[in-house]
Amino acid sequence: MTTPTVGRLAIVLHTHMPWVLGYGTWPVGEEWLRQAWAHAYLPMFALLRERAERGLTDQLTLGVTPVLAAQWDDRTSVHEQARWIADWHTRASGKALEASRTADKSAARDAQRNYQLAITAAHELDEHWSAGGSAALRPLVDSGVIELLGGPLTHAFTPHLSDPLIDLSLQAGLADTTARVGHRPTGMWAPECAYRPGLEQFYARHGVSHFMVDGPTLQRAGAPLHQAHRIGDTDVVAFGRDLELTYRVWSPDSGYPGDPWYLDFHSFDHAWGMRSYRVTDKQSDAKDPYEPHATAASIDRDVDDFISAARTIMLNSPTPDPVIVAAYDTELFGHWWHEGPAFLARLLDKVPEAGIQLTTLSRERSRAADSPPIELPSGSWGSGKNFGVWEEGEAGELHMRGRTIQNAVCDYLASHHRSHRTGRDHFGDALATETFLALASDWAFMITKDSAADYARNRANGHFQRVAELLHSAGHEPGQSQIPTRDTRLPFLDSRTWHPESHGIGVP
């Protein structure tokens, strides 16, 4: 007997890492990328590829930021990832040897688990990622198993950008994704789900037809949460993230990853560099050894709870034929929450049985065609659902430095943008690259949340200093490149596409 359809579910994953190559390794820096690559990106892509091979389509919506894609495709980075996985394999072998000497059965089981995980990761990387992440991503997009979202180049907090830099960031970001994957995204993940009135005009100008905001931003406009909405006088459509369903996974207090049987992200076997303990008791530092075979019941229970909650929301929604958007960072699945990929695979299989249709944002945007437009207020998914995370305290000081740098960079580009019509302006490209890396929203977020705050301060300060050095050298020798080689970190950022004529250069 077929269960009647009660609504649609759009799972949206945001895949992002700020630029870390060449900026530290352990405990912060490249180690973040290595762990997320091994524990989240590899298993998630394998999960999606398996579903594509079954002929399944429209399973979820996946955003990949250009700054992360560039690190996936960097040949040295791919080789370093292979070396990191080989080291993981070696550590697991060493732990197994030690466990055999001490007759520690628990340690032996954990060593064997990590050994097998490392073997699987090495095979996945070699088989599907050896030519870079874009080579792994493109078949998923081609098959239709996912909708790919694009976005600005380096995850800058877009409401804080000057108009010309918004244009340059969007143009470069979408060009980057198109070149790497062979598809130009029509939807985008707005960094931090941040919005200010008027951004839809920029999105429309760059061919972006839909984007996401956080649920409270939509609700403050008095708009129903479980449907798409046209924004302002454009055809650009906004979707709102449903917090009630999303937080069942993501809540730090009551989310599924806190189950006692799941692998504890925060407890570390420092002797061997592995996570080897289960959550046990969130209120205690005493942890029991992880037992992977004992997690199956918890995964099934959490999948059933998620589906039950989704059905309840849909049945009680005032919107006919509602669509729920549940959005997460991709890194949650596998890296922060080890069992996340298994949960997601089980969820995707069971959702249709419950009368819930899986969908993507691009499939849903057409439903807003005949609806009246709305005016959105400013908002983000940060604490307070406003801009406070990026404007208050020390983050506010970064914001003010960013305004000063933006105006100086725009002044430079305005005076030089006609000088390189026949070839790339390598100096301007380097200046713009350094500027966008300095303006990444990650630094203020990390400082406000006191998460590797010193690293974030050093990164922001370093990029701001480099921008100042470049501007200083430009003032002394106009038109002469002061960089030894072309900056290839973000190769599809072309500063010649910057156009000041149609927009002011003030920073909000």
Protein backbone atom coordinates (compact mmCIF):
# COMPACT_ATOMS: atom_id res chain seq x y z
CA MET A 1 0.00 0.00 0.00
CA THR A 2 1.43 3.38 -1.05
CA THR A 3 1.61 6.06 1.64
CA PRO A 4 -0.07 9.30 0.47
CA THR A 5 2.36 12.13 -0.18
CA VAL A 6 2.26 14.74 2.58
CA GLY A 7 5.01 17.08 1.35
CA ARG A 8 8.51 17.46 -0.01
CA LEU A 9 11.91 17.52 1.66
CA ALA A 10 14.90 19.42 0.30
CA ILE A 11 18.13 18.45 2.05
CA VAL A 12 20.78 21.08 1.39
CA LEU A 13 24.46 20.57 2.19
CA HIS A 14 27.00 23.38 2.31
CA THR A 15 30.57 22.22 1.59
CA HIS A 16 33.15 24.80 2.62
CA MET A 17 36.63 25.26 3.99
CA PRO A 18 38.54 28.56 4.01
CA TRP A 19 41.88 28.61 2.26
CA VAL A 20 44.29 26.70 4.53
CA LEU A 21 46.98 25.43 2.12
CA GLY A 22 50.31 26.83 3.21
CA TYR A 23 48.92 28.34 6.41
CA GLY A 24 49.82 25.95 9.20
CA THR A 25 49.21 22.26 9.67
CA TRP A 26 48.62 20.96 13.19
CA PRO A 27 46.58 21.51 15.33
CA VAL A 28 44.90 24.05 13.06
CA GLY A 29 45.37 24.76 9.40
CA GLU A 30 45.69 22.02 6.79
CA GLU A 31 44.77 19.33 9.30
CA TRP A 32 41.17 20.59 9.12
CA LEU A 33 41.11 19.97 5.39
CA ARG A 34 42.78 16.57 5.69
CA GLN A 35 40.34 15.30 8.31
CA ALA A 36 37.24 16.67 6.57
CA TRP A 37 38.43 15.25 3.24
CA ALA A 38 39.03 11.78 4.67
CA HIS A 39 36.06 11.55 7.00
CA ALA A 40 33.35 13.60 5.24
CA TYR A 41 34.03 14.37 1.59
CA LEU A 42 35.18 10.88 0.55
CA PRO A 43 32.33 8.93 2.20
CA MET A 44 29.68 11.49 1.19
CA PHE A 45 30.67 11.40 -2.46
CA ALA A 46 30.80 7.59 -2.36
CA LEU A 47 27.27 7.59 -0.93
CA LEU A 48 26.00 9.87 -3.68
CA ARG A 49 27.81 7.98 -6.42
CA GLU A 50 26.21 4.72 -5.27
CA ARG A 51 22.79 6.34 -5.52
CA ALA A 52 23.58 7.69 -8.97
CA GLU A 53 24.58 4.19 -10.08
CA ARG A 54 21.13 3.03 -8.96
CA GLY A 55 19.60 5.63 -11.28
CA LEU A 56 18.31 7.82 -8.47
CA THR A 57 18.01 11.56 -9.08
CA ASP A 58 17.22 14.74 -7.14
CA GLN A 59 18.46 13.28 -3.86
CA LEU A 60 19.74 16.51 -2.38
CA THR A 61 21.15 19.96 -3.11
CA LEU A 62 24.90 20.33 -2.65
CA GLY A 63 26.88 23.55 -2.53
CA VAL A 64 30.66 23.58 -2.94
CA THR A 65 32.46 26.86 -2.41
CA PRO A 66 35.02 27.80 -5.08
CA VAL A 67 37.71 28.33 -2.46
CA LEU A 68 37.32 24.70 -1.33
CA ALA A 69 37.14 23.37 -4.89
CA ALA A 70 40.45 25.09 -5.62
CA GLN A 71 42.06 23.24 -2.71
CA TRP A 72 40.52 19.93 -3.85
CA ASP A 73 41.98 20.42 -7.33
CA ASP A 74 45.44 21.55 -6.27
CA ARG A 75 47.77 18.70 -7.29
CA THR A 76 50.04 19.14 -4.28
CA SER A 77 47.00 19.08 -2.02
CA VAL A 78 45.75 15.83 -3.57
CA HIS A 79 49.17 14.25 -3.06
CA GLU A 80 49.27 15.50 0.53
CA GLN A 81 45.84 13.99 1.14
CA ALA A 82 47.13 10.63 -0.07
CA ARG A 83 50.12 10.96 2.26
CA TRP A 84 47.82 11.87 5.18
CA ILE A 85 45.69 8.78 4.58
CA ALA A 86 48.82 6.62 4.33
CA ASP A 87 49.95 8.01 7.68
CA TRP A 88 46.52 7.15 9.13
CA HIS A 89 47.00 3.60 7.85
CA THR A 90 50.45 3.45 9.46
CA ARG A 91 49.15 4.73 12.79
CA ALA A 92 46.37 2.13 12.76
CA SER A 93 48.92 -0.60 12.09
CA GLY A 94 51.09 0.67 14.94
CA LYS A 95 48.17 0.68 17.32
CA ALA A 96 47.28 -2.88 16.29
CA LEU A 97 50.82 -4.04 17.01
CA GLU A 98 50.80 -2.36 20.41
CA ALA A 99 47.40 -3.88 21.22
CA SER A 100 48.68 -7.35 20.39
CA ARG A 101 51.57 -6.88 22.81
CA THR A 102 49.32 -5.75 25.64
CA ALA A 103 46.41 -8.09 24.80
CA ASP A 104 44.09 -5.04 24.74
CA LYS A 105 41.11 -6.35 22.79
CA SER A 106 39.31 -3.01 22.72
CA ALA A 107 42.37 -1.24 21.28
CA ALA A 108 42.80 -4.05 18.77
CA ARG A 109 39.23 -3.64 17.53
CA ASP A 110 39.66 0.12 17.22
CA ALA A 111 42.93 -0.31 15.35
CA GLN A 112 41.27 -2.73 12.93
CA ARG A 113 38.36 -0.30 12.40
CA ASN A 114 40.73 2.57 11.59
CA TYR A 115 42.87 0.31 9.40
CA GLN A 116 39.85 -0.60 7.27
CA LEU A 117 38.65 3.00 7.12
CA ALA A 118 42.08 4.13 5.92
CA ILE A 119 42.18 1.39 3.26
CA THR A 120 38.73 2.43 2.03
CA ALA A 121 39.69 6.13 1.99
CA ALA A 122 42.88 5.43 0.06
CA HIS A 123 40.97 3.44 -2.56
CA GLU A 124 38.28 6.13 -2.87
CA LEU A 125 40.85 8.89 -3.27
CA ASP A 126 42.89 6.96 -5.84
CA GLU A 127 39.89 5.74 -7.83
CA HIS A 128 37.80 8.91 -7.97
CA TRP A 129 39.80 11.92 -6.70
CA SER A 130 43.28 11.48 -8.16
CA ALA A 131 42.54 14.19 -10.74
CA GLY A 132 41.05 16.46 -8.06
CA GLY A 133 37.71 17.04 -6.41
CA SER A 134 36.07 18.47 -9.50
CA ALA A 135 36.65 15.17 -11.29
CA ALA A 136 34.77 13.45 -8.45
CA LEU A 137 32.00 16.04 -8.38
CA ARG A 138 31.24 16.36 -12.10
CA PRO A 139 29.74 12.84 -12.53
CA LEU A 140 27.37 13.49 -9.63
CA VAL A 141 26.12 16.67 -11.31
CA ASP A 142 25.94 14.99 -14.73
CA SER A 143 23.85 12.13 -13.33
CA GLY A 144 21.29 14.44 -11.73
CA VAL A 145 21.66 12.78 -8.33
CA ILE A 146 22.32 16.26 -6.89
CA GLU A 147 21.63 19.86 -7.73
CA LEU A 148 24.88 21.83 -7.51
CA LEU A 149 24.84 25.25 -5.85
CA GLY A 150 27.44 27.87 -6.63
CA GLY A 151 28.32 30.98 -4.70
CA PRO A 152 30.75 33.85 -4.14
CA LEU A 153 34.44 33.16 -4.50
CA THR A 154 35.79 32.95 -0.94
CA HIS A 155 32.79 32.97 1.42
CA ALA A 156 33.01 36.66 2.23
CA PHE A 157 30.17 38.06 4.33
CA THR A 158 28.35 39.47 1.32
CA PRO A 159 26.28 42.18 3.06
CA HIS A 160 29.58 43.80 4.07
CA LEU A 161 31.01 43.95 0.54
CA SER A 162 31.00 47.04 -1.64
CA ASP A 163 28.83 46.78 -4.75
CA PRO A 164 31.70 46.24 -7.21
CA LEU A 165 33.26 43.56 -5.02
CA ILE A 166 29.91 41.76 -4.74
CA ASP A 167 29.82 41.68 -8.53
CA LEU A 168 33.44 40.55 -8.82
CA SER A 169 33.02 37.85 -6.16
CA LEU A 170 29.87 36.45 -7.78
CA GLN A 171 31.29 36.61 -11.30
CA ALA A 172 34.52 34.89 -10.29
CA GLY A 173 32.81 32.32 -8.08
CA LEU A 174 30.30 31.22 -10.71
CA ALA A 175 32.97 31.21 -13.43
CA ASP A 176 35.16 29.04 -11.20
CA THR A 177 32.44 26.43 -10.67
CA THR A 178 31.50 26.43 -14.35
CA ALA A 179 35.08 25.85 -15.45
CA ARG A 180 35.71 23.08 -12.92
CA VAL A 181 32.43 21.16 -13.17
CA GLY A 182 31.13 22.01 -16.64
CA HIS A 183 27.83 23.34 -15.30
CA ARG A 184 26.93 26.92 -14.37
CA PRO A 185 24.84 26.76 -11.18
CA THR A 186 21.56 28.61 -11.18
CA GLY A 187 21.23 28.47 -7.40
CA MET A 188 23.67 29.62 -4.75
CA TRP A 189 24.44 29.24 -1.09
CA ALA A 190 24.72 32.74 0.33
CA PRO A 191 27.62 32.67 2.84
CA GLU A 192 26.26 32.39 6.40
CA CYS A 193 22.75 32.56 4.84
CA ALA A 194 23.33 36.31 5.11
CA TYR A 195 21.04 38.73 3.31
CA ARG A 196 20.47 42.46 3.14
CA PRO A 197 17.82 44.15 0.99
CA GLY A 198 19.01 44.62 -2.57
CA LEU A 199 21.27 41.58 -2.84
CA GLU A 200 18.66 39.92 -5.04
CA GLN A 201 19.48 42.51 -7.71
CA PHE A 202 23.07 41.27 -7.83
CA TYR A 203 21.92 37.66 -7.91
CA ALA A 204 19.59 38.37 -10.83
CA ARG A 205 22.33 40.18 -12.73
CA HIS A 206 24.58 37.09 -12.48
CA GLY A 207 21.92 34.58 -13.44
CA VAL A 208 21.27 33.28 -9.93
CA SER A 209 17.63 32.26 -9.72
CA HIS A 210 17.41 31.02 -6.12
CA PHE A 211 19.19 31.17 -2.79
CA MET A 212 18.68 30.36 0.88
CA VAL A 213 18.11 32.41 3.98
CA ASP A 214 17.61 31.26 7.53
CA GLY A 215 14.03 30.54 8.56
CA PRO A 216 13.68 33.50 10.95
CA THR A 217 14.66 35.94 8.17
CA LEU A 218 11.73 34.69 6.10
CA GLN A 219 9.37 34.65 9.07
CA ARG A 220 10.23 38.24 10.03
CA ALA A 221 8.90 39.18 6.61
CA GLY A 222 5.60 37.52 7.56
CA ALA A 223 6.13 34.92 4.84
CA PRO A 224 5.17 31.24 5.16
CA LEU A 225 8.27 29.15 5.82
CA HIS A 226 7.43 26.05 3.80
CA GLN A 227 7.31 27.53 0.30
CA ALA A 228 9.52 29.46 -2.08
CA HIS A 229 9.12 33.25 -2.39
CA ARG A 230 10.01 35.74 -5.11
CA ILE A 231 12.04 38.63 -3.73
CA GLY A 232 11.42 42.29 -4.54
CA ASP A 233 10.93 43.19 -8.17
CA THR A 234 13.02 40.25 -9.43
CA ASP A 235 12.31 36.64 -10.34
CA VAL A 236 14.92 35.52 -7.81
CA VAL A 237 13.47 33.09 -5.28
CA ALA A 238 14.39 32.62 -1.61
CA PHE A 239 13.96 29.50 0.52
CA GLY A 240 14.00 29.48 4.31
CA ARG A 241 15.75 26.86 6.45
CA ASP A 242 13.38 25.04 8.80
CA LEU A 243 15.08 25.17 12.20
CA GLU A 244 12.74 22.73 13.96
CA LEU A 245 13.75 19.88 11.67
CA THR A 246 17.34 20.99 11.04
CA TYR A 247 18.18 21.26 14.74
CA ARG A 248 17.13 17.67 15.38
CA VAL A 249 20.48 16.87 13.84
CA TRP A 250 22.51 19.99 14.48
CA SER A 251 21.57 21.15 17.97
CA PRO A 252 24.64 21.07 20.26
CA ASP A 253 22.37 20.26 23.20
CA SER A 254 19.91 17.71 21.87
CA GLY A 255 21.05 16.81 18.33
CA TYR A 256 21.42 13.21 17.24
CA PRO A 257 25.27 13.24 17.27
CA GLY A 258 25.11 13.41 21.08
CA ASP A 259 23.78 9.85 21.34
CA PRO A 260 25.85 7.87 23.91
CA TRP A 261 26.76 5.19 21.36
CA TYR A 262 28.07 7.49 18.64
CA LEU A 263 31.77 8.26 18.16
CA ASP A 264 32.81 11.25 20.26
CA PHE A 265 34.35 13.99 18.12
CA HIS A 266 36.00 15.74 21.04
CA SER A 267 37.67 12.75 22.75
CA PHE A 268 40.98 11.86 21.18
CA ASP A 269 43.47 9.02 21.54
CA HIS A 270 46.48 11.32 21.36
CA ALA A 271 48.97 8.45 21.42
CA TRP A 272 47.78 7.28 17.99
CA GLY A 273 45.95 10.34 16.65
CA MET A 274 42.50 8.73 16.43
CA ARG A 275 39.01 9.21 17.75
CA SER A 276 38.43 5.97 19.64
CA TYR A 277 35.73 6.66 22.23
CA ARG A 278 31.97 6.92 22.20
CA VAL A 279 30.04 9.87 23.58
CA THR A 280 29.08 7.83 26.66
CA ASP A 281 27.96 10.79 28.79
CA LYS A 282 28.07 14.32 27.42
CA GLN A 283 28.42 15.68 30.96
CA SER A 284 31.48 13.60 31.81
CA ASP A 285 35.03 13.39 30.54
CA ALA A 286 35.07 9.65 31.26
CA LYS A 287 34.51 7.86 27.95
CA ASP A 288 33.98 4.23 27.00
CA PRO A 289 35.56 2.62 23.93
CA TYR A 290 33.66 3.05 20.68
CA GLU A 291 31.67 0.01 19.53
CA PRO A 292 30.55 0.56 15.92
CA HIS A 293 28.27 -2.50 15.84
CA ALA A 294 26.20 -0.94 18.64
CA THR A 295 25.27 2.18 16.64
CA ALA A 296 22.80 0.56 14.20
CA ALA A 297 19.84 0.81 16.57
CA SER A 298 20.60 4.47 17.29
CA ILE A 299 20.83 5.30 13.58
CA ASP A 300 17.49 3.61 12.86
CA ARG A 301 15.86 5.38 15.80
CA ASP A 302 17.16 8.80 14.72
CA VAL A 303 16.09 8.26 11.11
CA ASP A 304 12.60 7.31 12.26
CA ASP A 305 12.45 10.34 14.57
CA PHE A 306 13.54 12.68 11.76
CA ILE A 307 10.93 11.30 9.38
CA SER A 308 8.21 11.42 12.03
CA ALA A 309 9.06 15.05 12.80
CA ALA A 310 9.06 15.95 9.10
CA ARG A 311 5.65 14.35 8.60
CA THR A 312 4.24 16.19 11.63
CA ILE A 313 5.52 19.54 10.36
CA MET A 314 4.12 18.89 6.89
CA LEU A 315 0.72 17.74 8.15
CA ASN A 316 0.42 20.79 10.42
CA SER A 317 1.83 23.33 7.97
CA PRO A 318 -0.63 26.03 6.85
CA THR A 319 1.01 25.87 3.41
CA PRO A 320 -0.61 23.45 0.96
CA ASP A 321 1.86 20.93 -0.45
CA PRO A 322 4.69 22.21 1.81
CA VAL A 323 8.41 21.90 1.15
CA ILE A 324 10.77 21.69 4.11
CA VAL A 325 14.37 22.82 3.66
CA ALA A 326 16.80 21.13 6.07
CA ALA A 327 20.29 22.56 5.64
CA TYR A 328 23.64 21.58 7.11
CA ASP A 329 27.37 21.89 6.66
CA THR A 330 28.57 18.84 4.73
CA GLU A 331 31.40 18.44 7.23
CA LEU A 332 28.83 17.47 9.86
CA PHE A 333 28.31 14.18 8.06
CA GLY A 334 31.31 11.95 8.71
CA HIS A 335 33.76 14.43 10.22
CA TRP A 336 31.94 15.96 13.17
CA TRP A 337 29.37 13.14 13.25
CA HIS A 338 31.03 9.88 12.26
CA GLU A 339 27.72 8.08 11.73
CA GLY A 340 26.32 10.94 9.64
CA PRO A 341 26.77 9.31 6.21
CA ALA A 342 25.09 6.10 7.42
CA PHE A 343 22.24 8.17 8.85
CA LEU A 344 21.85 10.10 5.60
CA ALA A 345 21.91 6.97 3.41
CA ARG A 346 19.25 5.34 5.57
CA LEU A 347 17.18 8.54 5.61
CA LEU A 348 17.25 8.93 1.83
CA ASP A 349 16.06 5.33 1.44
CA LYS A 350 13.23 5.59 3.95
CA VAL A 351 11.84 9.05 3.20
CA PRO A 352 9.84 8.00 0.09
CA GLU A 353 8.25 5.14 2.06
CA ALA A 354 6.86 7.73 4.49
CA GLY A 355 5.00 9.72 1.86
CA ILE A 356 7.69 12.41 1.63
CA GLN A 357 9.12 13.32 -1.77
CA LEU A 358 12.80 14.16 -1.99
CA THR A 359 13.41 17.31 -4.00
CA THR A 360 15.99 19.98 -4.80
CA LEU A 361 15.80 23.75 -4.67
CA SER A 362 15.88 24.12 -8.46
CA ARG A 363 12.85 21.85 -8.78
CA GLU A 364 10.95 23.90 -6.23
CA ARG A 365 11.69 27.42 -7.45
CA SER A 366 9.13 27.25 -10.27
CA ARG A 367 6.37 26.93 -7.68
CA ALA A 368 6.96 30.55 -6.71
CA ALA A 369 6.36 31.89 -10.23
CA ASP A 370 2.78 33.02 -9.59
CA SER A 371 3.16 33.97 -5.94
CA PRO A 372 3.26 37.62 -4.84
CA PRO A 373 6.76 38.96 -4.16
CA ILE A 374 7.93 39.72 -0.64
CA GLU A 375 10.44 42.13 0.88
CA LEU A 376 13.02 40.42 3.08
CA PRO A 377 14.72 42.05 6.08
CA SER A 378 18.39 41.61 6.82
CA GLY A 379 19.39 38.40 8.55
CA SER A 380 21.82 35.49 8.82
CA TRP A 381 22.00 32.08 10.45
CA GLY A 382 24.45 33.35 13.07
CA SER A 383 23.62 33.76 16.75
CA GLY A 384 20.70 36.16 17.11
CA LYS A 385 19.88 35.63 13.42
CA ASN A 386 21.39 39.04 12.68
CA PHE A 387 24.87 40.30 11.75
CA GLY A 388 26.19 40.37 15.31
CA VAL A 389 28.66 37.50 14.90
CA TRP A 390 30.41 39.55 12.18
CA GLU A 391 29.91 43.06 13.60
CA GLU A 392 30.20 43.00 17.38
CA GLY A 393 33.30 43.17 19.56
CA GLU A 394 36.53 42.13 17.88
CA ALA A 395 34.60 41.06 14.78
CA GLY A 396 33.42 44.65 14.46
CA GLU A 397 37.04 45.81 14.33
CA LEU A 398 37.66 43.36 11.49
CA HIS A 399 34.59 44.72 9.72
CA MET A 400 35.90 48.28 9.93
CA ARG A 401 39.33 47.21 8.66
CA GLY A 402 37.57 45.46 5.83
CA ARG A 403 35.71 48.61 4.87
CA THR A 404 38.95 50.59 4.72
CA ILE A 405 40.72 47.95 2.65
CA GLN A 406 37.80 47.59 0.25
CA ASN A 407 37.71 51.28 -0.50
CA ALA A 408 41.46 51.36 -1.11
CA VAL A 409 41.34 48.31 -3.37
CA CYS A 410 38.38 49.69 -5.30
CA ASP A 411 40.27 52.96 -5.77
CA TYR A 412 43.22 51.04 -7.21
CA LEU A 413 41.11 48.90 -9.52
CA ALA A 414 39.16 51.96 -10.68
CA SER A 415 42.38 53.64 -11.78
CA HIS A 416 43.85 50.56 -13.47
CA HIS A 417 40.94 48.55 -14.83
CA ARG A 418 41.46 49.79 -18.42
CA SER A 419 45.19 49.05 -18.48
CA HIS A 420 45.16 45.32 -19.27
CA ARG A 421 42.57 44.82 -21.96
CA THR A 422 44.74 42.39 -23.93
CA GLY A 423 46.06 40.25 -21.08
CA ARG A 424 45.54 39.30 -17.50
CA ASP A 425 46.42 41.89 -14.87
CA HIS A 426 48.41 39.61 -12.59
CA PHE A 427 48.97 42.35 -10.04
CA GLY A 428 45.28 43.21 -9.91
CA ASP A 429 44.40 39.51 -9.67
CA ALA A 430 46.78 39.02 -6.74
CA LEU A 431 45.42 42.11 -5.01
CA ALA A 432 41.81 40.96 -5.43
CA THR A 433 42.69 37.42 -4.31
CA GLU A 434 44.36 38.64 -1.14
CA THR A 435 41.44 40.98 -0.48
CA PHE A 436 38.83 38.26 -0.75
CA LEU A 437 40.88 35.91 1.45
CA ALA A 438 41.11 38.68 4.06
CA LEU A 439 37.33 39.22 3.92
CA ALA A 440 36.38 35.55 4.41
CA SER A 441 33.55 35.35 6.93
CA ASP A 442 35.31 32.46 8.68
CA TRP A 443 37.79 34.68 10.54
CA ALA A 444 35.20 36.80 12.35
CA PHE A 445 33.08 33.73 13.10
CA MET A 446 36.02 31.87 14.64
CA ILE A 447 37.01 34.89 16.73
CA THR A 448 33.47 35.51 17.99
CA LYS A 449 32.96 31.83 18.83
CA ASP A 450 36.49 31.52 20.30
CA SER A 451 37.21 28.58 18.00
CA ALA A 452 40.92 28.62 17.04
CA ALA A 453 40.60 32.38 17.48
CA ASP A 454 44.35 33.06 17.44
CA TYR A 455 44.66 31.28 14.10
CA ALA A 456 41.80 33.37 12.70
CA ARG A 457 43.36 36.60 13.97
CA ASN A 458 46.69 35.72 12.41
CA ARG A 459 45.08 34.78 9.12
CA ALA A 460 43.02 37.97 8.88
CA ASN A 461 45.94 40.15 9.95
CA GLY A 462 48.28 38.45 7.51
CA HIS A 463 45.97 38.94 4.55
CA PHE A 464 45.21 42.55 5.47
CA GLN A 465 48.94 43.21 5.78
CA ARG A 466 49.60 41.65 2.39
CA VAL A 467 46.91 43.81 0.78
CA ALA A 468 48.50 46.89 2.33
CA GLU A 469 51.95 45.84 1.04
CA LEU A 470 50.61 45.34 -2.48
CA LEU A 471 48.87 48.71 -2.45
CA HIS A 472 52.02 50.37 -1.15
CA SER A 473 54.15 48.83 -3.90
CA ALA A 474 51.59 49.89 -6.50
CA GLY A 475 51.83 53.47 -5.29
CA HIS A 476 55.60 53.50 -5.67
CA GLU A 477 55.78 51.87 -9.08
CA PRO A 478 52.45 52.27 -10.86
CA GLY A 479 51.60 49.50 -13.26
CA GLN A 480 54.55 47.35 -12.24
CA SER A 481 53.88 43.94 -10.73
CA GLN A 482 55.54 43.55 -7.35
CA ILE A 483 54.75 39.85 -7.01
CA PRO A 484 57.36 37.30 -8.13
CA THR A 485 54.92 34.97 -9.89
CA ARG A 486 51.28 34.86 -10.89
CA ASP A 487 48.95 34.07 -7.96
CA THR A 488 47.32 30.77 -8.96
CA ARG A 489 45.32 30.06 -5.82
CA LEU A 490 42.06 31.26 -7.38
CA PRO A 491 42.83 31.18 -11.12
CA PHE A 492 39.35 32.15 -12.35
CA LEU A 493 39.38 35.47 -10.50
CA ASP A 494 39.98 37.98 -13.29
CA SER A 495 40.25 41.53 -11.95
CA ARG A 496 39.59 42.90 -15.46
CA THR A 497 35.91 41.96 -15.03
CA TRP A 498 35.61 44.58 -12.27
CA HIS A 499 33.38 47.40 -13.52
CA PRO A 500 32.92 50.50 -11.37
CA GLU A 501 30.84 52.48 -13.86
CA SER A 502 27.42 51.05 -13.07
CA HIS A 503 27.68 50.93 -9.28
CA GLY A 504 29.02 53.05 -6.48
CA ILE A 505 32.10 51.93 -4.59
CA GLY A 506 30.98 52.75 -1.07
CA VAL A 507 30.96 49.98 1.53
CA PRO A 508 27.78 49.51 3.59
